[in-house]
Amino acid sequence: MEITGFKGWKNNVRLTNGEIELIITKDVGPRVIRFGFIGGKNLFAEIAGQQGGTGEKKWMIRGGHRLWIAPENKKKTYELDNVPVKIEEIKGGVRTIQPPGPAMHVGKIMEITLASNKNEAVVKHVLVNDGNSPVKLAVWALSVMSAGGKAIIPLPKKISHTERLLHNQEWSIWGYTDFGDPRWTLGSRYILFRQDPKRGPNKLGITHREGWVSYLLKEFLFVKKFAFKEGAEYPDGGVNFETFSNEDFLELESLGPLVTLAPGKSVSHEERWSLHRGVSSCNKEADVDANIIPLI
């Protein structure tokens, strides 16, 4: 662990195990602004014109991975995070502490640890109600992936219509969701969703029990694992995973259950990340079976 400069920010924490590295901003955010092999491609997006800045009067996406509050609300979700945050050392990594904003009165904490003997990281996302009233919310963890790659999203195992009569998944669509968009490949076992610098916003939400999604960018594969809690209420029509893409990036977003958080109480949601390289391209479902599943 060391303090390092990155893209104009002077104070960032770098975690490395000698093969991969994470860089976490301290001057703003925080963001896990880089995740990649040393000397290799950053799997997270770096939004042009938003690197190295501080103190802006509007919300900046910047790229990287961030912690948000769901459901999305223009005033509450987009609270500014353009000032320095506190970072503490913990075993195997760091804890970032973002103070509560005036709209939600909710503090945000990420505990980020990196394995020493394998290319895996654990990110624990925590929301703390520092206000005087209960608030209904869900943890929302968003990874902004670099342009030019492809999301790979597993679908539930097929079940005979005589074995199960009820549905086993919910999908949420937005006013701009378009399945005629050629970025989508809706297969029988997987959804493939390509990022395209020439195409604008598109989004899908899914009740996701398969426990993992991934993003393939050239030879590099990012895997995000997260849990689903049966019987819990989830945001946006009952979904715990959402993907969004526009001209600049593609997001892999996991969500925790909706809870009514009493003053002084906290709620957490964990993701497990892994990185792989030398992975072959995936243009059809058989490619996913051959190239991705052995790594999962």
Protein backbone atom coordinates (compact mmCIF):
# COMPACT_ATOMS: atom_id res chain seq x y z
CA MET A 1 0.00 0.00 0.00
CA GLU A 2 1.31 3.43 -0.94
CA ILE A 3 0.22 6.98 -1.71
CA THR A 4 0.51 7.78 -5.41
CA GLY A 5 -0.51 10.32 -8.01
CA PHE A 6 -3.04 9.41 -10.68
CA LYS A 7 -4.44 11.43 -13.59
CA GLY A 8 -3.85 14.77 -11.85
CA TRP A 9 -4.90 13.73 -8.32
CA LYS A 10 -1.94 13.76 -5.95
CA ASN A 11 -3.43 11.78 -3.05
CA ASN A 12 -4.54 8.28 -4.00
CA VAL A 13 -4.06 4.96 -2.25
CA ARG A 14 -2.58 2.19 -4.38
CA LEU A 15 -3.06 -1.43 -3.33
CA THR A 16 -1.11 -4.12 -5.17
CA ASN A 17 -0.21 -7.78 -4.75
CA GLY A 18 2.56 -7.55 -7.34
CA GLU A 19 0.36 -8.54 -10.27
CA ILE A 20 -2.79 -6.41 -10.12
CA GLU A 21 -3.51 -3.02 -8.57
CA LEU A 22 -6.36 -0.88 -7.29
CA ILE A 23 -6.12 2.90 -7.01
CA ILE A 24 -8.57 4.71 -4.72
CA THR A 25 -9.02 8.50 -4.84
CA LYS A 26 -8.67 10.47 -1.63
CA ASP A 27 -9.07 14.02 -3.00
CA VAL A 28 -12.63 13.31 -4.21
CA GLY A 29 -15.23 10.59 -4.11
CA PRO A 30 -13.99 8.20 -3.18
CA ARG A 31 -13.69 6.17 -6.36
CA VAL A 32 -11.84 2.97 -6.98
CA ILE A 33 -10.57 4.74 -10.05
CA ARG A 34 -8.32 1.96 -11.40
CA PHE A 35 -8.47 -1.85 -11.33
CA GLY A 36 -6.16 -3.72 -13.64
CA PHE A 37 -2.97 -5.66 -14.14
CA ILE A 38 0.19 -3.66 -13.44
CA GLY A 39 1.15 -1.92 -16.66
CA GLY A 40 -2.04 -3.14 -18.32
CA LYS A 41 -5.41 -1.72 -19.28
CA ASN A 42 -7.61 -0.08 -16.65
CA LEU A 43 -10.85 -2.10 -16.68
CA PHE A 44 -12.64 0.90 -15.17
CA ALA A 45 -13.55 3.94 -17.27
CA GLU A 46 -11.63 7.21 -17.01
CA ILE A 47 -14.03 9.94 -18.15
CA ALA A 48 -12.20 12.59 -20.18
CA GLY A 49 -12.18 16.07 -18.67
CA GLN A 50 -13.13 14.81 -15.21
CA GLN A 51 -9.79 13.40 -14.07
CA GLY A 52 -7.76 15.30 -11.50
CA GLY A 53 -10.46 17.84 -10.63
CA THR A 54 -11.80 18.79 -7.20
CA GLY A 55 -14.37 21.16 -5.78
CA GLU A 56 -16.72 21.18 -8.77
CA LYS A 57 -20.23 22.56 -8.23
CA LYS A 58 -21.94 19.71 -10.07
CA TRP A 59 -21.82 15.94 -9.71
CA MET A 60 -19.04 14.26 -11.69
CA ILE A 61 -19.14 10.61 -12.70
CA ARG A 62 -15.34 10.50 -13.29
CA GLY A 63 -15.39 6.73 -13.90
CA GLY A 64 -14.18 3.94 -11.62
CA HIS A 65 -16.34 2.24 -9.00
CA ARG A 66 -18.55 4.18 -6.59
CA LEU A 67 -21.08 3.73 -3.80
CA TRP A 68 -24.52 5.25 -4.29
CA ILE A 69 -27.94 5.22 -2.65
CA ALA A 70 -30.98 3.65 -4.35
CA PRO A 71 -33.69 4.27 -5.46
CA GLU A 72 -32.34 6.91 -7.84
CA ASN A 73 -33.45 10.46 -7.12
CA LYS A 74 -32.09 13.57 -8.80
CA LYS A 75 -31.63 15.48 -5.55
CA LYS A 76 -30.70 12.72 -3.12
CA THR A 77 -28.71 10.30 -5.26
CA TYR A 78 -26.54 12.94 -6.92
CA GLU A 79 -25.17 14.52 -3.76
CA LEU A 80 -21.79 16.03 -4.57
CA ASP A 81 -18.67 14.05 -3.74
CA ASN A 82 -16.03 16.44 -5.03
CA VAL A 83 -14.15 17.04 -1.78
CA PRO A 84 -11.50 14.98 0.08
CA VAL A 85 -12.49 11.89 2.04
CA LYS A 86 -10.93 10.06 4.95
CA ILE A 87 -9.04 6.83 4.29
CA GLU A 88 -7.93 4.45 7.04
CA GLU A 89 -5.72 1.40 6.84
CA ILE A 90 -7.35 -1.94 7.70
CA LYS A 91 -6.03 -5.48 7.47
CA GLY A 92 -5.36 -6.22 3.83
CA GLY A 93 -6.57 -2.87 2.55
CA VAL A 94 -8.29 0.40 3.36
CA ARG A 95 -11.54 1.87 4.65
CA THR A 96 -12.88 4.98 2.89
CA ILE A 97 -15.22 7.26 4.84
CA GLN A 98 -17.38 9.82 3.05
CA PRO A 99 -19.28 12.13 5.42
CA PRO A 100 -23.08 12.44 5.12
CA GLY A 101 -24.49 14.99 2.73
CA PRO A 102 -27.23 17.51 3.52
CA ALA A 103 -29.92 15.83 1.42
CA MET A 104 -29.81 12.26 2.74
CA HIS A 105 -27.78 12.59 5.98
CA VAL A 106 -26.28 9.19 5.12
CA GLY A 107 -22.58 8.44 5.41
CA LYS A 108 -20.89 6.11 2.92
CA ILE A 109 -18.10 3.68 3.76
CA MET A 110 -16.21 1.25 1.54
CA GLU A 111 -13.86 -1.37 2.95
CA ILE A 112 -11.57 -2.52 0.15
CA THR A 113 -9.20 -5.45 0.58
CA LEU A 114 -6.91 -7.16 -1.91
CA ALA A 115 -5.79 -10.79 -1.67
CA SER A 116 -2.03 -11.31 -1.57
CA ASN A 117 -1.99 -14.71 -3.30
CA LYS A 118 -4.69 -14.39 -5.95
CA ASN A 119 -6.12 -11.65 -8.16
CA GLU A 120 -9.23 -11.02 -6.10
CA ALA A 121 -10.58 -8.07 -4.12
CA VAL A 122 -13.47 -7.72 -1.70
CA VAL A 123 -15.43 -4.48 -1.48
CA LYS A 124 -17.82 -4.04 1.42
CA HIS A 125 -20.23 -1.12 0.93
CA VAL A 126 -21.80 0.43 4.04
CA LEU A 127 -24.47 3.12 4.43
CA VAL A 128 -24.91 4.79 7.85
CA ASN A 129 -27.93 6.89 8.81
CA ASP A 130 -26.47 9.94 10.55
CA GLY A 131 -29.76 11.82 10.51
CA ASN A 132 -32.58 12.09 13.03
CA SER A 133 -35.26 10.22 11.04
CA PRO A 134 -35.56 6.74 9.51
CA VAL A 135 -34.81 6.55 5.79
CA LYS A 136 -35.73 3.86 3.27
CA LEU A 137 -32.85 3.03 0.97
CA ALA A 138 -30.70 0.35 -0.61
CA VAL A 139 -26.96 0.05 -1.13
CA TRP A 140 -26.08 0.58 -4.79
CA ALA A 141 -22.61 -0.44 -6.02
CA LEU A 142 -21.71 0.76 -9.52
CA SER A 143 -18.68 -0.27 -11.56
CA VAL A 144 -18.15 2.02 -14.56
CA MET A 145 -16.38 -0.13 -17.12
CA SER A 146 -14.02 1.10 -19.81
CA ALA A 147 -15.38 1.52 -23.34
CA GLY A 148 -15.18 -1.17 -25.99
CA GLY A 149 -16.00 -4.25 -23.95
CA LYS A 150 -18.91 -6.62 -23.47
CA ALA A 151 -21.00 -7.51 -20.41
CA ILE A 152 -21.78 -11.20 -19.90
CA ILE A 153 -24.84 -11.85 -17.73
CA PRO A 154 -25.97 -15.42 -16.94
CA LEU A 155 -29.65 -16.30 -17.05
CA PRO A 156 -31.48 -18.82 -14.82
CA LYS A 157 -31.31 -22.49 -15.67
CA LYS A 158 -34.20 -23.54 -17.88
CA ILE A 159 -37.10 -25.39 -16.19
CA SER A 160 -39.86 -27.36 -17.86
CA HIS A 161 -43.19 -25.55 -18.04
CA THR A 162 -44.78 -28.56 -16.32
CA GLU A 163 -42.25 -28.51 -13.47
CA ARG A 164 -42.73 -24.86 -12.50
CA LEU A 165 -45.83 -22.87 -13.29
CA LEU A 166 -44.73 -19.49 -11.94
CA HIS A 167 -42.09 -17.11 -13.27
CA ASN A 168 -38.60 -17.18 -11.71
CA GLN A 169 -37.21 -13.77 -12.67
CA GLU A 170 -38.26 -10.13 -12.88
CA TRP A 171 -36.98 -7.66 -15.44
CA SER A 172 -37.25 -3.88 -15.17
CA ILE A 173 -37.11 -1.68 -18.23
CA TRP A 174 -36.81 2.08 -18.52
CA GLY A 175 -38.37 4.56 -20.93
CA TYR A 176 -35.21 4.40 -23.06
CA THR A 177 -34.67 0.62 -22.90
CA ASP A 178 -34.51 -0.68 -26.48
CA PHE A 179 -34.14 -4.38 -27.26
CA GLY A 180 -33.91 -3.56 -30.95
CA ASP A 181 -30.47 -2.12 -30.17
CA PRO A 182 -27.80 -4.35 -31.78
CA ARG A 183 -25.68 -4.12 -28.60
CA TRP A 184 -27.94 -6.76 -27.04
CA THR A 185 -27.65 -10.49 -27.65
CA LEU A 186 -30.49 -12.17 -25.73
CA GLY A 187 -29.61 -15.85 -25.64
CA SER A 188 -31.06 -18.88 -23.90
CA ARG A 189 -28.35 -18.99 -21.20
CA TYR A 190 -26.70 -15.57 -21.28
CA ILE A 191 -27.31 -11.94 -22.11
CA LEU A 192 -24.44 -10.21 -23.93
CA PHE A 193 -24.44 -6.41 -23.87
CA ARG A 194 -21.76 -4.57 -25.87
CA GLN A 195 -20.51 -1.05 -25.21
CA ASP A 196 -20.58 0.99 -28.43
CA PRO A 197 -19.09 4.53 -28.62
CA LYS A 198 -21.68 5.39 -31.28
CA ARG A 199 -24.79 4.49 -29.27
CA GLY A 200 -26.52 6.31 -26.42
CA PRO A 201 -28.25 5.25 -23.20
CA ASN A 202 -29.82 1.82 -22.78
CA LYS A 203 -30.55 -0.05 -19.55
CA LEU A 204 -31.92 -3.27 -18.08
CA GLY A 205 -32.62 -4.45 -14.52
CA ILE A 206 -32.84 -8.13 -13.52
CA THR A 207 -33.64 -10.19 -10.44
CA HIS A 208 -30.32 -12.00 -10.46
CA ARG A 209 -29.75 -15.19 -8.46
CA GLU A 210 -26.81 -16.55 -10.45
CA GLY A 211 -24.33 -14.63 -8.29
CA TRP A 212 -21.95 -13.26 -10.94
CA VAL A 213 -21.65 -11.01 -13.96
CA SER A 214 -18.56 -10.17 -15.99
CA TYR A 215 -17.06 -7.71 -18.45
CA LEU A 216 -14.71 -8.79 -21.23
CA LEU A 217 -12.42 -6.11 -22.68
CA LYS A 218 -9.98 -7.45 -25.26
CA GLU A 219 -8.08 -10.20 -23.38
CA PHE A 220 -9.05 -8.95 -19.91
CA LEU A 221 -12.00 -10.23 -17.87
CA PHE A 222 -13.50 -8.53 -14.81
CA VAL A 223 -15.81 -10.70 -12.69
CA LYS A 224 -18.18 -9.23 -10.10
CA LYS A 225 -19.87 -11.57 -7.60
CA PHE A 226 -22.72 -10.61 -5.25
CA ALA A 227 -25.58 -12.22 -3.36
CA PHE A 228 -29.36 -12.18 -3.66
CA LYS A 229 -31.54 -12.45 -0.54
CA GLU A 230 -34.72 -14.43 -1.10
CA GLY A 231 -37.84 -12.77 0.26
CA ALA A 232 -36.25 -9.32 0.49
CA GLU A 233 -37.63 -6.23 -1.20
CA TYR A 234 -35.37 -4.74 -3.86
CA PRO A 235 -35.49 -1.38 -5.68
CA ASP A 236 -36.69 -0.64 -9.20
CA GLY A 237 -39.35 -3.34 -9.40
CA GLY A 238 -37.51 -5.97 -7.39
CA VAL A 239 -34.12 -6.14 -9.17
CA ASN A 240 -30.68 -6.56 -7.62
CA PHE A 241 -28.63 -6.12 -10.80
CA GLU A 242 -28.74 -3.39 -13.43
CA THR A 243 -26.62 -2.62 -16.47
CA PHE A 244 -26.45 0.72 -18.24
CA SER A 245 -24.45 1.85 -21.25
CA ASN A 246 -23.94 4.98 -23.31
CA GLU A 247 -21.29 6.36 -25.68
CA ASP A 248 -18.57 6.49 -22.98
CA PHE A 249 -18.88 3.43 -20.74
CA LEU A 250 -20.91 0.45 -19.55
CA GLU A 251 -21.96 0.00 -15.92
CA LEU A 252 -22.32 -3.21 -13.92
CA GLU A 253 -24.48 -2.33 -10.91
CA SER A 254 -25.43 -4.56 -7.98
CA LEU A 255 -27.99 -3.54 -5.36
CA GLY A 256 -28.77 -4.63 -1.83
CA PRO A 257 -32.27 -5.03 -0.40
CA LEU A 258 -34.43 -2.03 0.45
CA VAL A 259 -34.38 -1.38 4.19
CA THR A 260 -35.78 1.26 6.51
CA LEU A 261 -32.64 2.45 8.26
CA ALA A 262 -33.15 3.90 11.73
CA PRO A 263 -30.97 6.78 12.96
CA GLY A 264 -27.52 5.54 13.94
CA LYS A 265 -27.95 2.21 12.12
CA SER A 266 -26.07 0.88 9.10
CA VAL A 267 -26.57 -1.59 6.26
CA SER A 268 -23.90 -3.32 4.16
CA HIS A 269 -23.58 -5.05 0.79
CA GLU A 270 -20.53 -6.98 -0.41
CA GLU A 271 -19.02 -7.57 -3.83
CA ARG A 272 -16.14 -9.88 -4.74
CA TRP A 273 -14.04 -8.94 -7.75
CA SER A 274 -11.53 -10.93 -9.76
CA LEU A 275 -9.33 -10.19 -12.77
CA HIS A 276 -8.19 -12.56 -15.50
CA ARG A 277 -6.15 -12.10 -18.68
CA GLY A 278 -5.48 -14.11 -21.80
CA VAL A 279 -9.23 -14.68 -22.21
CA SER A 280 -10.54 -15.38 -25.71
CA SER A 281 -13.39 -13.38 -27.25
CA CYS A 282 -17.02 -14.36 -26.72
CA ASN A 283 -19.44 -13.80 -29.58
CA LYS A 284 -21.89 -16.59 -28.84
CA GLU A 285 -23.07 -18.66 -25.90
CA ALA A 286 -20.75 -21.59 -26.66
CA ASP A 287 -17.80 -19.15 -26.32
CA VAL A 288 -19.00 -18.16 -22.83
CA ASP A 289 -19.23 -21.82 -21.82
CA ALA A 290 -15.72 -22.48 -23.10
CA ASN A 291 -13.88 -19.28 -22.12
CA ILE A 292 -15.68 -17.76 -19.12
CA ILE A 293 -17.34 -20.48 -17.07
CA PRO A 294 -14.05 -22.27 -16.17
CA LEU A 295 -12.83 -18.99 -14.64
CA ILE A 296 -16.03 -18.49 -12.62
